[in-house]
Every structure is written in structure tokens, then in C-alpha cells.
């Protein structure tokens, strides 16, 4: 099962997210059942911009088939139910630290992957984390490059998109995004 949310500025207003609230950052609790995923796409506006926020693993969903994962990407606008043709960003995945204990709240082993259309992902082990550890990130897009900073690591990708969006995907777990902002460059 898949859940997709596509929000335009007018939809944000209808959902009770004011422009002032969006400017100071929004919170998004991406909570999915085992073996399911959810996609949220937010408009970024015209021109260069920077996305920033914090993400934390709240709980793993206890799947025997899939790891808990969240992807944060700048992506081309995709048709509903489709995948973007161009994207760049990062993925955080987590597996239970103890295979016998997949219950919510159990510690996880986290890996980081940078990903972009046309490249392979290389997972880098991060740490054994208790759910609740916060990771700060920024992703900037200038029209031809996506620069990703997560903690003390960073990577830049050459990628162009006509109408970019912020795309957040999560699967098989609960990931909380806080202080999420999209700020235009001036």
C-alpha cells in the first residue's frame, strides 16, 4: 500500500499551515506500517532555494522483509503514483540492532546513503542509535547542483530539473521531521 500527498501552497493553507508557520518550519510525522511507504511532495517555488530541518527515527515497524528508511530529495515533479525522472538527496535507513528485538523503540543500526538519478547508492554505516536521535540536514538547489549536508558529511550532485519539489519518502517505520523549511535564495 502506498500513500501520496501532493501539496500546493493553497492546499497548505486549507490544511491549516499558514505562511507564517511554514516560514518558521513545519513538522511532519511520517509513520508507516511494516512493508508500506508514504510519499510527501512539497513545492519549492521558482529559482534557487535551501531546504533545512531535523529528522529523527522514532520507531522501526518490525518488518522481516524491509529496513526502515526515509529519503529526502530534491526531485523533478512526478506524476501521481510515479517516480521522478531526476532527483538528488540522501537516505537514512535503520535495521534493528538485535535481530530478535524488532519492537518499536528498540535501538537501530543506522546507515546513510547519498542518492541521485543515474548513480548507485553506497550505504555508509553511521552508528547504533536509540530512536530519538536527531539528525540536522540542509539541501540546496541552485538550478544545476544539489548540495546535501547531513551532520558532518556532505556531497554535491550535478542535476537539473524544470520544476523541482521537495520529496520525502518513508517506509517501515516512523520518522519525525521538525523545523522543516524551504527558503528561497535572494
C-alpha atoms as a PDB file:
ATOM      1  CA  UNK A   1       0.000   0.000   0.000  1.00  0.00           C
ATOM      2  CA  UNK A   2       1.220   3.467  -0.859  1.00  0.00           C
ATOM      3  CA  UNK A   3       0.135   6.895   0.336  1.00  0.00           C
ATOM      4  CA  UNK A   4       0.993  10.018  -1.666  1.00  0.00           C
ATOM      5  CA  UNK A   5       0.466  13.622  -0.609  1.00  0.00           C
ATOM      6  CA  UNK A   6       0.985  16.429  -3.115  1.00  0.00           C
ATOM      7  CA  UNK A   7       0.565  19.848  -1.532  1.00  0.00           C
ATOM      8  CA  UNK A   8       0.440  23.186  -3.304  1.00  0.00           C
ATOM      9  CA  UNK A   9       0.571  26.464  -1.358  1.00  0.00           C
ATOM     10  CA  UNK A  10      -3.243  26.751  -1.464  1.00  0.00           C
ATOM     11  CA  UNK A  11      -3.564  23.211  -0.097  1.00  0.00           C
ATOM     12  CA  UNK A  12      -1.186  24.059   2.739  1.00  0.00           C
ATOM     13  CA  UNK A  13      -3.449  26.966   3.673  1.00  0.00           C
ATOM     14  CA  UNK A  14      -6.522  24.703   3.549  1.00  0.00           C
ATOM     15  CA  UNK A  15      -4.752  22.200   5.799  1.00  0.00           C
ATOM     16  CA  UNK A  16      -4.174  24.894   8.427  1.00  0.00           C
ATOM     17  CA  UNK A  17      -0.491  25.550   7.724  1.00  0.00           C
ATOM     18  CA  UNK A  18      -0.150  29.302   7.486  1.00  0.00           C
ATOM     19  CA  UNK A  19       2.572  31.111   5.568  1.00  0.00           C
ATOM     20  CA  UNK A  20       3.984  32.350   8.885  1.00  0.00           C
ATOM     21  CA  UNK A  21       4.034  28.802  10.259  1.00  0.00           C
ATOM     22  CA  UNK A  22       5.669  27.480   7.098  1.00  0.00           C
ATOM     23  CA  UNK A  23       8.360  30.203   7.304  1.00  0.00           C
ATOM     24  CA  UNK A  24       9.311  29.126  10.852  1.00  0.00           C
ATOM     25  CA  UNK A  25       9.286  25.440   9.964  1.00  0.00           C
ATOM     26  CA  UNK A  26       6.722  22.676   9.874  1.00  0.00           C
ATOM     27  CA  UNK A  27       6.661  19.271  11.499  1.00  0.00           C
ATOM     28  CA  UNK A  28       5.835  16.086   9.614  1.00  0.00           C
ATOM     29  CA  UNK A  29       5.458  12.729  11.357  1.00  0.00           C
ATOM     30  CA  UNK A  30       5.947  10.110   8.634  1.00  0.00           C
ATOM     31  CA  UNK A  31       4.650   6.920  10.255  1.00  0.00           C
ATOM     32  CA  UNK A  32       4.216   3.805   8.113  1.00  0.00           C
ATOM     33  CA  UNK A  33       3.290   0.211   8.835  1.00  0.00           C
ATOM     34  CA  UNK A  34       5.675  -2.668   8.114  1.00  0.00           C
ATOM     35  CA  UNK A  35       6.263  -3.177   4.383  1.00  0.00           C
ATOM     36  CA  UNK A  36       4.432   0.051   3.417  1.00  0.00           C
ATOM     37  CA  UNK A  37       5.615   3.503   2.382  1.00  0.00           C
ATOM     38  CA  UNK A  38       4.439   7.089   2.166  1.00  0.00           C
ATOM     39  CA  UNK A  39       5.457   9.968  -0.121  1.00  0.00           C
ATOM     40  CA  UNK A  40       5.099  13.689   0.570  1.00  0.00           C
ATOM     41  CA  UNK A  41       5.921  16.264  -2.108  1.00  0.00           C
ATOM     42  CA  UNK A  42       6.137  19.966  -1.261  1.00  0.00           C
ATOM     43  CA  UNK A  43       6.508  22.783  -3.804  1.00  0.00           C
ATOM     44  CA  UNK A  44       9.769  24.712  -3.673  1.00  0.00           C
ATOM     45  CA  UNK A  45       8.912  27.772  -5.747  1.00  0.00           C
ATOM     46  CA  UNK A  46      10.936  29.283  -8.560  1.00  0.00           C
ATOM     47  CA  UNK A  47      14.708  29.706  -8.555  1.00  0.00           C
ATOM     48  CA  UNK A  48      17.395  28.610  -6.100  1.00  0.00           C
ATOM     49  CA  UNK A  49      16.423  27.502  -2.594  1.00  0.00           C
ATOM     50  CA  UNK A  50      17.602  25.691   0.548  1.00  0.00           C
ATOM     51  CA  UNK A  51      15.684  23.069   2.495  1.00  0.00           C
ATOM     52  CA  UNK A  52      16.643  22.533   6.117  1.00  0.00           C
ATOM     53  CA  UNK A  53      15.304  20.617   9.060  1.00  0.00           C
ATOM     54  CA  UNK A  54      15.823  17.811  11.504  1.00  0.00           C
ATOM     55  CA  UNK A  55      14.885  14.160  11.150  1.00  0.00           C
ATOM     56  CA  UNK A  56      14.741  11.506  13.812  1.00  0.00           C
ATOM     57  CA  UNK A  57      13.922   7.832  13.835  1.00  0.00           C
ATOM     58  CA  UNK A  58      11.052   7.383  16.272  1.00  0.00           C
ATOM     59  CA  UNK A  59      10.456   3.643  15.773  1.00  0.00           C
ATOM     60  CA  UNK A  60      11.100   0.753  13.429  1.00  0.00           C
ATOM     61  CA  UNK A  61       7.985  -1.031  12.206  1.00  0.00           C
ATOM     62  CA  UNK A  62       9.291  -4.567  12.750  1.00  0.00           C
ATOM     63  CA  UNK A  63       9.408  -5.894   9.186  1.00  0.00           C
ATOM     64  CA  UNK A  64      11.185  -9.135   8.358  1.00  0.00           C
ATOM     65  CA  UNK A  65      11.426  -8.054   4.666  1.00  0.00           C
ATOM     66  CA  UNK A  66      12.421  -4.371   4.589  1.00  0.00           C
ATOM     67  CA  UNK A  67      14.566  -1.936   6.543  1.00  0.00           C
ATOM     68  CA  UNK A  68      13.049   1.241   7.910  1.00  0.00           C
ATOM     69  CA  UNK A  69      14.071   4.060   5.573  1.00  0.00           C
ATOM     70  CA  UNK A  70      13.498   7.711   4.838  1.00  0.00           C
ATOM     71  CA  UNK A  71      14.604   9.549   1.703  1.00  0.00           C
ATOM     72  CA  UNK A  72      14.852  13.330   1.476  1.00  0.00           C
ATOM     73  CA  UNK A  73      15.354  14.552  -2.073  1.00  0.00           C
ATOM     74  CA  UNK A  74      15.071  17.472  -4.410  1.00  0.00           C
ATOM     75  CA  UNK A  75      13.236  15.864  -7.317  1.00  0.00           C
ATOM     76  CA  UNK A  76      11.523  16.640 -10.568  1.00  0.00           C
ATOM     77  CA  UNK A  77       7.754  16.710 -10.354  1.00  0.00           C
ATOM     78  CA  UNK A  78       6.433  13.195 -10.912  1.00  0.00           C
ATOM     79  CA  UNK A  79       3.023  12.027 -11.988  1.00  0.00           C
ATOM     80  CA  UNK A  80       0.929  10.672  -9.100  1.00  0.00           C
ATOM     81  CA  UNK A  81       1.977   7.099  -8.335  1.00  0.00           C
ATOM     82  CA  UNK A  82       5.155   7.660 -10.396  1.00  0.00           C
ATOM     83  CA  UNK A  83       8.835   8.132  -9.723  1.00  0.00           C
ATOM     84  CA  UNK A  84      10.729  11.328 -10.532  1.00  0.00           C
ATOM     85  CA  UNK A  85      12.982  11.335 -13.596  1.00  0.00           C
ATOM     86  CA  UNK A  86      15.662  13.385 -11.804  1.00  0.00           C
ATOM     87  CA  UNK A  87      16.499  13.608  -8.101  1.00  0.00           C
ATOM     88  CA  UNK A  88      19.315  14.028  -5.583  1.00  0.00           C
ATOM     89  CA  UNK A  89      19.408  13.832  -1.804  1.00  0.00           C
ATOM     90  CA  UNK A  90      20.020  11.350   0.977  1.00  0.00           C
ATOM     91  CA  UNK A  91      18.548   8.243   2.562  1.00  0.00           C
ATOM     92  CA  UNK A  92      18.727   7.156   6.172  1.00  0.00           C
ATOM     93  CA  UNK A  93      17.934   3.535   6.812  1.00  0.00           C
ATOM     94  CA  UNK A  94      17.808   1.600  10.046  1.00  0.00           C
ATOM     95  CA  UNK A  95      17.833  -2.052  10.991  1.00  0.00           C
ATOM     96  CA  UNK A  96      17.213  -3.437  14.465  1.00  0.00           C
ATOM     97  CA  UNK A  97      20.460  -3.667  16.449  1.00  0.00           C
ATOM     98  CA  UNK A  98      19.187  -7.009  17.754  1.00  0.00           C
ATOM     99  CA  UNK A  99      17.503  -9.143  15.082  1.00  0.00           C
ATOM    100  CA  UNK A 100      15.356 -10.797  17.751  1.00  0.00           C
ATOM    101  CA  UNK A 101      14.061  -7.426  19.007  1.00  0.00           C
ATOM    102  CA  UNK A 102      12.186  -5.578  16.258  1.00  0.00           C
ATOM    103  CA  UNK A 103       9.722  -3.953  18.636  1.00  0.00           C
ATOM    104  CA  UNK A 104       9.057  -0.196  18.416  1.00  0.00           C
ATOM    105  CA  UNK A 105      11.597   1.700  20.499  1.00  0.00           C
ATOM    106  CA  UNK A 106      14.365  -0.884  20.043  1.00  0.00           C
ATOM    107  CA  UNK A 107      17.803   0.505  19.099  1.00  0.00           C
ATOM    108  CA  UNK A 108      18.697   0.533  15.423  1.00  0.00           C
ATOM    109  CA  UNK A 109      21.843   0.454  13.319  1.00  0.00           C
ATOM    110  CA  UNK A 110      21.653   3.433  11.002  1.00  0.00           C
ATOM    111  CA  UNK A 111      23.203   3.818   7.551  1.00  0.00           C
ATOM    112  CA  UNK A 112      23.466   6.909   5.338  1.00  0.00           C
ATOM    113  CA  UNK A 113      23.301   6.876   1.555  1.00  0.00           C
ATOM    114  CA  UNK A 114      23.563   9.780  -0.829  1.00  0.00           C
ATOM    115  CA  UNK A 115      21.494   9.193  -3.936  1.00  0.00           C
ATOM    116  CA  UNK A 116      20.887  10.792  -7.301  1.00  0.00           C
ATOM    117  CA  UNK A 117      19.281   9.718 -10.538  1.00  0.00           C
ATOM    118  CA  UNK A 118      21.720   7.624 -12.551  1.00  0.00           C
ATOM    119  CA  UNK A 119      24.031   6.753  -9.622  1.00  0.00           C
ATOM    120  CA  UNK A 120      24.345   3.787  -7.304  1.00  0.00           C
ATOM    121  CA  UNK A 121      23.810   4.217  -3.600  1.00  0.00           C
ATOM    122  CA  UNK A 122      26.691   3.355  -1.293  1.00  0.00           C
ATOM    123  CA  UNK A 123      25.479   2.793   2.254  1.00  0.00           C
ATOM    124  CA  UNK A 124      27.799   4.140   4.949  1.00  0.00           C
ATOM    125  CA  UNK A 125      27.273   2.857   8.496  1.00  0.00           C
ATOM    126  CA  UNK A 126      26.582   5.725  10.881  1.00  0.00           C
ATOM    127  CA  UNK A 127      26.009   4.447  14.398  1.00  0.00           C
ATOM    128  CA  UNK A 128      23.888   2.364  16.673  1.00  0.00           C
ATOM    129  CA  UNK A 129      21.144   4.712  17.707  1.00  0.00           C
ATOM    130  CA  UNK A 130      18.297   4.656  20.103  1.00  0.00           C
ATOM    131  CA  UNK A 131      15.177   6.008  18.493  1.00  0.00           C
ATOM    132  CA  UNK A 132      15.003   9.731  19.163  1.00  0.00           C
ATOM    133  CA  UNK A 133      18.492  10.750  17.977  1.00  0.00           C
ATOM    134  CA  UNK A 134      18.138  13.915  15.857  1.00  0.00           C
ATOM    135  CA  UNK A 135      19.990  14.467  12.548  1.00  0.00           C
ATOM    136  CA  UNK A 136      20.132  18.015  11.125  1.00  0.00           C
ATOM    137  CA  UNK A 137      20.234  18.411   7.344  1.00  0.00           C
ATOM    138  CA  UNK A 138      20.312  21.055   4.625  1.00  0.00           C
ATOM    139  CA  UNK A 139      19.814  20.541   0.903  1.00  0.00           C
ATOM    140  CA  UNK A 140      20.407  23.423  -1.507  1.00  0.00           C
ATOM    141  CA  UNK A 141      19.480  23.660  -5.175  1.00  0.00           C
ATOM    142  CA  UNK A 142      20.853  26.404  -7.461  1.00  0.00           C
ATOM    143  CA  UNK A 143      19.345  25.284 -10.769  1.00  0.00           C
ATOM    144  CA  UNK A 144      22.150  22.901 -11.727  1.00  0.00           C
ATOM    145  CA  UNK A 145      23.539  21.449  -8.482  1.00  0.00           C
ATOM    146  CA  UNK A 146      22.082  19.824  -5.385  1.00  0.00           C
ATOM    147  CA  UNK A 147      24.301  20.176  -2.291  1.00  0.00           C
ATOM    148  CA  UNK A 148      23.465  17.893   0.641  1.00  0.00           C
ATOM    149  CA  UNK A 149      24.760  18.362   4.200  1.00  0.00           C
ATOM    150  CA  UNK A 150      23.870  15.833   6.880  1.00  0.00           C
ATOM    151  CA  UNK A 151      25.657  16.064  10.206  1.00  0.00           C
ATOM    152  CA  UNK A 152      29.367  16.261   9.381  1.00  0.00           C
ATOM    153  CA  UNK A 153      29.102  14.824   5.858  1.00  0.00           C
ATOM    154  CA  UNK A 154      28.245  16.495   2.573  1.00  0.00           C
ATOM    155  CA  UNK A 155      28.005  15.747  -1.121  1.00  0.00           C
ATOM    156  CA  UNK A 156      27.130  17.698  -4.274  1.00  0.00           C
ATOM    157  CA  UNK A 157      25.391  16.358  -7.375  1.00  0.00           C
ATOM    158  CA  UNK A 158      25.036  17.913 -10.827  1.00  0.00           C
ATOM    159  CA  UNK A 159      21.348  17.629 -11.700  1.00  0.00           C
ATOM    160  CA  UNK A 160      18.839  19.913 -13.413  1.00  0.00           C
ATOM    161  CA  UNK A 161      15.072  19.942 -13.043  1.00  0.00           C
ATOM    162  CA  UNK A 162      12.429  22.156 -14.639  1.00  0.00           C
ATOM    163  CA  UNK A 163      10.040  22.183 -11.677  1.00  0.00           C
ATOM    164  CA  UNK A 164      11.757  20.821  -8.550  1.00  0.00           C
ATOM    165  CA  UNK A 165       9.895  19.692  -5.443  1.00  0.00           C
ATOM    166  CA  UNK A 166      10.967  18.529  -2.004  1.00  0.00           C
ATOM    167  CA  UNK A 167      10.203  14.793  -1.894  1.00  0.00           C
ATOM    168  CA  UNK A 168      10.125  12.927   1.421  1.00  0.00           C
ATOM    169  CA  UNK A 169       9.622   9.162   1.396  1.00  0.00           C
ATOM    170  CA  UNK A 170       9.471   6.893   4.409  1.00  0.00           C
ATOM    171  CA  UNK A 171       8.877   3.190   4.792  1.00  0.00           C
ATOM    172  CA  UNK A 172       8.592   0.580   7.505  1.00  0.00           C
ATOM    173  CA  UNK A 173       8.976   2.923  10.443  1.00  0.00           C
ATOM    174  CA  UNK A 174       8.238   6.281  11.985  1.00  0.00           C
ATOM    175  CA  UNK A 175      10.448   9.234  11.090  1.00  0.00           C
ATOM    176  CA  UNK A 176       9.728  12.663  12.580  1.00  0.00           C
ATOM    177  CA  UNK A 177      10.702  15.764  10.598  1.00  0.00           C
ATOM    178  CA  UNK A 178      10.840  19.014  12.578  1.00  0.00           C
ATOM    179  CA  UNK A 179      11.699  22.621  11.744  1.00  0.00           C
ATOM    180  CA  UNK A 180      11.347  21.791   8.045  1.00  0.00           C
ATOM    181  CA  UNK A 181      11.776  24.948   5.933  1.00  0.00           C
ATOM    182  CA  UNK A 182      12.125  25.780   2.258  1.00  0.00           C
ATOM    183  CA  UNK A 183      13.817  29.159   1.876  1.00  0.00           C
ATOM    184  CA  UNK A 184      14.408  30.913  -1.476  1.00  0.00           C
ATOM    185  CA  UNK A 185      17.871  32.324  -2.150  1.00  0.00           C
ATOM    186  CA  UNK A 186      17.813  36.075  -2.541  1.00  0.00           C
END
